[in-house]
Amino acid sequence: MKLGVFTVPLAGMSLDDACRWLAEKGVQMVEIGCGGCPGNAHCNAEELLADDAKCQAFLDTVARHGLQISALSAHGNMVHPDPAVAAAYEKDFVNAILLAEKLGIPVVNTFSGCPGGSPDDKSPNWVTCSWPEDFSRTLAYQWNEVLIPYWKEKAAFARAHGVKIALELHPGFCVYNTATLLRLREACGPEIGANLDPSHLFWQGMDIVTVIRELGKAGAIHHFHAKDTWIDPINTAKNGVLDTGHYGNEADRSWIFRTVGYGHGAETWKAIASELRLAGYDYAISIEHEDSLMSGNEGLCKAISFLQDTLIFEDKGEMYWA
C-alpha cells in the first residue's frame, strides 16, 4: 500500500509547493481534482489536454518530488435532471478520463450521480425506502432508464481509454452501499468499481471489514479514501443517523467527518488495512480531509502520522525462522 493525499486542502499552494510539503511528510501518492466538486486548483484538464508541454510540466512537477498520481477526481452528478448541470459535470468527467489516459493514470474517481424521480423532475431525488410504491417506481425509473444506460456507455468509454472508474459510495447518490455498487458493476462492467470511503459507511452502520471482504471478492475496489466519522451517541440515540443539519453545527449533529483516528481508533484502522491486504488491494490509501474541527494542515499532519503506523507498506515476502 502507498500513503496518499487528496490535495484539495492544499489548494492555496501551487502544485509544486503542495508536492514538496507532502513528500517531506513521507507521502507517496497524490490524488488530484480536475473538475466537478473538487475543482481544478492543481489540474486544469482542458488546458492540459490541449497543450503537451504543459502536460509534461505537470507530470514532471509531481515526479520531481518522488510522488505518483493515484487518481484524477471529477466528482459530480452527470445524471442530474437539469440538463445544464449534468452537461457541466459530464464535460469535466469526460476530460478527466481523457487526461488520465494521456498521463497514464489508471483511475478516475467520481460519484454515480442521482437522477430526478421522473422525466419531469428538476432536482435529484434520493430514495431511501421502497414503500409507498411511488418510491419503487422512482427507483425503477432511475436505475433502468437513466443510471444503467448512462454507466454502460461510460464504462465502454473508459474501457476504450484504458481507465477504471471508481465510484465513491456516497449517500444522496444512487450508489451508496455495497449492494448498489455491485448492482451497477454487474450491469455495466468491471470498469466500474469503488473508491471506498469508510466515512460514509460508518454512519450508515456498515462494518468496513465486511464491505472490503465483499467488494474484494468481486475485485471491485479501485481506490481507497482514508476519512473517518465520529458518531455522537447522544444525538444518534435521540434522532437516528439520518441527519440533514448543517455540517457546521457539529454539536447538534448525529455524526461529523473526522480525521482518521478521531472517529475510530487504531484497532479499527489496522483491521481495515489488514482486510485490504487480504482482498489483494495494494494501492493508494488517499487521505481526504473534511474534518471541520481541524485546519487542513493539522488534519493532514495527524492523518499522515496515524496511517504511517497503521498501514501495511511492504509485501510479506518469505518468512525465515531462526
Foldseek 3Di string as FASTA:
>chain_A
DFEEAACLLVLVDALLVSLQVCLVLVHAEYEYEAEAPSHHSHHPLVVCVVDVVVLVVSVCSNVVSNHYYQEYEQAAALQELAPVRNVRSVVRQLSRLLSCLVNVHAEYEYALHFYPQDNPDRGGDFDDDPPPVSSVSSVCCGVVVTRLVVLLVVLVVSVVSNHAYAHELAPVGQRNALVSQVVSCVSRHLSRAHQYECASVVLVPDQLLVSLLVRLVVVRHSHYEQKHKAADPVLCVVPNSDDPDDQVVVVNHRMHIAQPCPRDHLVSLLSNQVSCVVSVNQGYHYYDDDHPVDRPVVSVSVNSVSVVVRHDNDDPPDDDDD
